[in-house]
Amino acid sequence: MLAKGILVEINDGLLFTSDYIFSSVSAAAATVTGAAANGRILWRLPDGRTYAEWEEAENSTPPLNPETEF
């Protein structure tokens, strides 16, 4: 990521210069923390829920039925 210019060194840290799509939330978490990380519990929404909690709530919502929903 450094060689491609996606990350640049600034002071004592690194800065993303553009959006970057990771293969998983854990890959993103590991990149940010610099160690193996479970992104499903590391990432949090502004309301304090973890990514896993958000994902579970999203998946529990029943899909719309196009034949009965208008």
C-alpha atoms as a PDB file:
ATOM      1  CA  MET A   1       0.000   0.000   0.000  1.00  0.00           C
ATOM      2  CA  LEU A   2       2.929   2.299   0.667  1.00  0.00           C
ATOM      3  CA  ALA A   3       4.549   1.462  -2.670  1.00  0.00           C
ATOM      4  CA  LYS A   4       1.289   2.172  -4.494  1.00  0.00           C
ATOM      5  CA  GLY A   5       0.799   5.495  -2.683  1.00  0.00           C
ATOM      6  CA  ILE A   6      -2.430   4.390  -1.019  1.00  0.00           C
ATOM      7  CA  LEU A   7      -0.772   5.018   2.341  1.00  0.00           C
ATOM      8  CA  VAL A   8       1.728   7.808   2.966  1.00  0.00           C
ATOM      9  CA  GLU A   9       3.871   8.416   6.021  1.00  0.00           C
ATOM     10  CA  ILE A  10       2.913  11.533   7.962  1.00  0.00           C
ATOM     11  CA  ASN A  11       4.714  12.359  11.208  1.00  0.00           C
ATOM     12  CA  ASP A  12       4.586   9.167  13.283  1.00  0.00           C
ATOM     13  CA  GLY A  13       1.738   7.501  11.408  1.00  0.00           C
ATOM     14  CA  LEU A  14       0.225   6.589   8.077  1.00  0.00           C
ATOM     15  CA  LEU A  15      -2.554   8.303   6.146  1.00  0.00           C
ATOM     16  CA  PHE A  16      -4.842   6.804   3.516  1.00  0.00           C
ATOM     17  CA  THR A  17      -4.683   8.984   0.413  1.00  0.00           C
ATOM     18  CA  SER A  18      -7.750   7.409  -1.194  1.00  0.00           C
ATOM     19  CA  ASP A  19     -10.511   4.921  -0.586  1.00  0.00           C
ATOM     20  CA  TYR A  20      -9.362   1.323  -0.485  1.00  0.00           C
ATOM     21  CA  ILE A  21     -11.523  -1.791  -0.629  1.00  0.00           C
ATOM     22  CA  PHE A  22     -10.341  -4.577   1.666  1.00  0.00           C
ATOM     23  CA  SER A  23     -11.222  -8.240   1.218  1.00  0.00           C
ATOM     24  CA  SER A  24     -12.793  -8.328   4.682  1.00  0.00           C
ATOM     25  CA  VAL A  25     -13.481  -6.175   7.731  1.00  0.00           C
ATOM     26  CA  SER A  26     -10.756  -8.114   9.563  1.00  0.00           C
ATOM     27  CA  ALA A  27      -8.199  -7.365   6.833  1.00  0.00           C
ATOM     28  CA  ALA A  28      -9.016  -3.674   7.206  1.00  0.00           C
ATOM     29  CA  ALA A  29      -8.728  -3.892  10.997  1.00  0.00           C
ATOM     30  CA  ALA A  30      -5.394  -5.709  10.773  1.00  0.00           C
ATOM     31  CA  THR A  31      -4.035  -3.032   8.436  1.00  0.00           C
ATOM     32  CA  VAL A  32      -5.083  -0.226  10.761  1.00  0.00           C
ATOM     33  CA  THR A  33      -3.918  -1.880  13.979  1.00  0.00           C
ATOM     34  CA  GLY A  34      -0.782  -3.496  12.571  1.00  0.00           C
ATOM     35  CA  ALA A  35      -1.679  -6.868  14.076  1.00  0.00           C
ATOM     36  CA  ALA A  36      -4.177  -9.672  13.596  1.00  0.00           C
ATOM     37  CA  ALA A  37      -7.622  -8.314  14.459  1.00  0.00           C
ATOM     38  CA  ASN A  38     -11.251  -9.379  14.367  1.00  0.00           C
ATOM     39  CA  GLY A  39     -12.906  -6.563  12.470  1.00  0.00           C
ATOM     40  CA  ARG A  40     -16.385  -7.776  13.343  1.00  0.00           C
ATOM     41  CA  ILE A  41     -15.789  -6.759  16.977  1.00  0.00           C
ATOM     42  CA  LEU A  42     -13.153  -4.045  16.498  1.00  0.00           C
ATOM     43  CA  TRP A  43     -15.121  -1.717  14.206  1.00  0.00           C
ATOM     44  CA  ARG A  44     -17.837   0.270  15.923  1.00  0.00           C
ATOM     45  CA  LEU A  45     -20.604   2.506  14.659  1.00  0.00           C
ATOM     46  CA  PRO A  46     -21.104   5.984  16.146  1.00  0.00           C
ATOM     47  CA  ASP A  47     -23.902   4.553  18.323  1.00  0.00           C
ATOM     48  CA  GLY A  48     -21.458   2.059  19.901  1.00  0.00           C
ATOM     49  CA  ARG A  49     -22.666  -1.102  18.151  1.00  0.00           C
ATOM     50  CA  THR A  50     -20.017  -3.396  16.720  1.00  0.00           C
ATOM     51  CA  TYR A  51     -19.945  -4.335  13.055  1.00  0.00           C
ATOM     52  CA  ALA A  52     -21.129  -7.825  14.096  1.00  0.00           C
ATOM     53  CA  GLU A  53     -24.145  -6.356  15.934  1.00  0.00           C
ATOM     54  CA  TRP A  54     -25.012  -4.151  12.961  1.00  0.00           C
ATOM     55  CA  GLU A  55     -24.600  -7.068  10.532  1.00  0.00           C
ATOM     56  CA  GLU A  56     -26.840  -9.306  12.647  1.00  0.00           C
ATOM     57  CA  ALA A  57     -29.556  -6.643  12.781  1.00  0.00           C
ATOM     58  CA  GLU A  58     -29.332  -6.104   9.005  1.00  0.00           C
ATOM     59  CA  ASN A  59     -29.623  -9.835   8.307  1.00  0.00           C
ATOM     60  CA  SER A  60     -32.591 -10.297  10.628  1.00  0.00           C
ATOM     61  CA  THR A  61     -34.764  -7.823   8.703  1.00  0.00           C
ATOM     62  CA  PRO A  62     -37.140  -9.808   6.476  1.00  0.00           C
ATOM     63  CA  PRO A  63     -36.767  -9.066   2.769  1.00  0.00           C
ATOM     64  CA  LEU A  64     -39.528  -7.202   0.974  1.00  0.00           C
ATOM     65  CA  ASN A  65     -41.914  -9.325  -1.055  1.00  0.00           C
ATOM     66  CA  PRO A  66     -42.382  -7.521  -4.385  1.00  0.00           C
ATOM     67  CA  GLU A  67     -45.729  -9.269  -4.948  1.00  0.00           C
ATOM     68  CA  THR A  68     -47.267  -7.892  -1.751  1.00  0.00           C
ATOM     69  CA  GLU A  69     -45.270  -4.730  -1.075  1.00  0.00           C
ATOM     70  CA  PHE A  70     -46.089  -1.589  -3.028  1.00  0.00           C
END
